[in-house]
Amino acid sequence: MSENITPQENATPSQVSPLRCITGAIISSGLAYALYSLMIAIATTFASKPVHSHNELVIKITSAVRTLVVGIVALGSGIFGIVAIGLIALAVQLLIQQFSQPKSN
């Protein structure tokens, strides 16, 4: 019953190119901007609707949940932004490497 299944490796590994890096950076920056806009909308909605309760525990839990929701969306936005910056830096590095290598016939 227990068979050792090994994953098959790709016969053609994908090549990293500046065009693929720029494409990935555009997609990642678009997602970062979308998440940033969502974060601003969520924070504005939370700010415009205060908690109406006299119970201190309810106010603390509500504040914690609102902070966590905004924080998670901000974290996602930040991660996609950093990925976009990294992909742009990789594209620049690949372009520099391509121009600095002597062309062989």
Protein backbone atom coordinates (compact mmCIF):
# COMPACT_ATOMS: atom_id res chain seq x y z
CA MET A 1 0.00 0.00 0.00
CA SER A 2 2.77 2.44 0.73
CA GLU A 3 4.40 3.34 -2.57
CA ASN A 4 7.14 5.84 -2.94
CA ILE A 5 5.81 8.31 -5.47
CA THR A 6 8.40 10.76 -6.66
CA PRO A 7 7.27 13.97 -8.33
CA GLN A 8 8.29 14.23 -11.93
CA GLU A 9 10.60 17.07 -12.73
CA ASN A 10 9.81 19.38 -15.60
CA ALA A 11 11.71 18.51 -18.73
CA THR A 12 11.92 22.18 -19.67
CA PRO A 13 12.72 24.45 -16.74
CA SER A 14 11.24 27.94 -17.02
CA GLN A 15 13.74 30.63 -17.89
CA VAL A 16 13.88 33.83 -15.91
CA SER A 17 13.74 36.83 -18.19
CA PRO A 18 13.36 40.57 -17.61
CA LEU A 19 10.02 40.52 -19.44
CA ARG A 20 8.62 37.86 -17.12
CA CYS A 21 9.90 39.80 -14.10
CA ILE A 22 8.28 43.02 -15.28
CA THR A 23 5.01 41.20 -16.00
CA GLY A 24 5.03 39.69 -12.52
CA ALA A 25 5.85 43.07 -11.00
CA ILE A 26 2.91 44.69 -12.80
CA ILE A 27 0.54 41.99 -11.56
CA SER A 28 1.92 42.17 -8.02
CA SER A 29 1.77 45.95 -7.88
CA GLY A 30 -1.81 45.85 -9.16
CA LEU A 31 -2.75 43.47 -6.36
CA ALA A 32 -0.91 45.65 -3.84
CA TYR A 33 -2.82 48.72 -4.98
CA ALA A 34 -6.14 46.84 -4.87
CA LEU A 35 -5.45 45.63 -1.33
CA TYR A 36 -4.34 49.12 -0.29
CA SER A 37 -7.59 50.58 -1.63
CA LEU A 38 -9.54 47.86 0.17
CA MET A 39 -7.68 48.63 3.40
CA ILE A 40 -8.52 52.34 3.14
CA ALA A 41 -12.18 51.52 2.46
CA ILE A 42 -12.35 49.15 5.43
CA ALA A 43 -10.65 51.62 7.77
CA THR A 44 -12.96 54.42 6.64
CA THR A 45 -16.01 52.22 7.17
CA PHE A 46 -14.84 51.23 10.64
CA ALA A 47 -14.10 54.86 11.54
CA SER A 48 -17.52 56.06 10.39
CA LYS A 49 -19.39 53.42 12.41
CA PRO A 50 -18.39 53.63 16.07
CA VAL A 51 -19.30 50.92 18.55
CA HIS A 52 -22.45 51.68 20.56
CA SER A 53 -22.06 49.68 23.73
CA HIS A 54 -21.59 50.31 27.41
CA ASN A 55 -19.89 46.97 27.95
CA GLU A 56 -16.12 47.45 28.15
CA LEU A 57 -15.41 43.88 27.00
CA VAL A 58 -17.44 44.37 23.83
CA ILE A 59 -15.56 47.57 23.03
CA LYS A 60 -12.17 45.89 23.55
CA ILE A 61 -13.06 42.85 21.42
CA THR A 62 -14.49 45.05 18.68
CA SER A 63 -11.35 47.18 18.67
CA ALA A 64 -9.14 44.08 18.50
CA VAL A 65 -11.12 42.56 15.63
CA ARG A 66 -11.12 45.80 13.65
CA THR A 67 -7.38 46.17 14.17
CA LEU A 68 -6.77 42.58 13.04
CA VAL A 69 -8.90 42.97 9.90
CA VAL A 70 -7.17 46.17 8.83
CA GLY A 71 -3.77 44.74 9.79
CA ILE A 72 -4.19 41.57 7.74
CA VAL A 73 -5.21 43.51 4.64
CA ALA A 74 -2.30 45.93 5.19
CA LEU A 75 0.07 42.98 5.53
CA GLY A 76 -1.13 41.53 2.23
CA SER A 77 -0.73 44.90 0.55
CA GLY A 78 2.79 45.26 1.92
CA ILE A 79 3.84 41.78 0.85
CA PHE A 80 2.64 42.28 -2.71
CA GLY A 81 4.38 45.67 -2.80
CA ILE A 82 7.67 44.19 -1.64
CA VAL A 83 7.37 41.38 -4.19
CA ALA A 84 6.83 43.96 -6.95
CA ILE A 85 9.94 45.88 -5.87
CA GLY A 86 11.95 42.65 -5.76
CA LEU A 87 10.83 41.62 -9.23
CA ILE A 88 11.75 45.01 -10.66
CA ALA A 89 15.17 44.75 -9.01
CA LEU A 90 15.61 41.26 -10.48
CA ALA A 91 14.69 42.53 -13.93
CA VAL A 92 17.29 45.32 -13.64
CA GLN A 93 19.88 42.81 -12.47
CA LEU A 94 19.14 40.50 -15.40
CA LEU A 95 19.36 43.38 -17.86
CA ILE A 96 22.73 44.44 -16.44
CA GLN A 97 23.99 40.86 -16.67
CA GLN A 98 22.83 40.54 -20.27
CA PHE A 99 24.55 43.77 -21.32
CA SER A 100 27.77 43.08 -19.41
CA GLN A 101 28.34 39.58 -20.85
CA PRO A 102 30.32 39.47 -24.09
CA LYS A 103 28.31 38.09 -26.98
CA SER A 104 29.59 34.77 -28.25
CA ASN A 105 29.08 33.64 -31.84
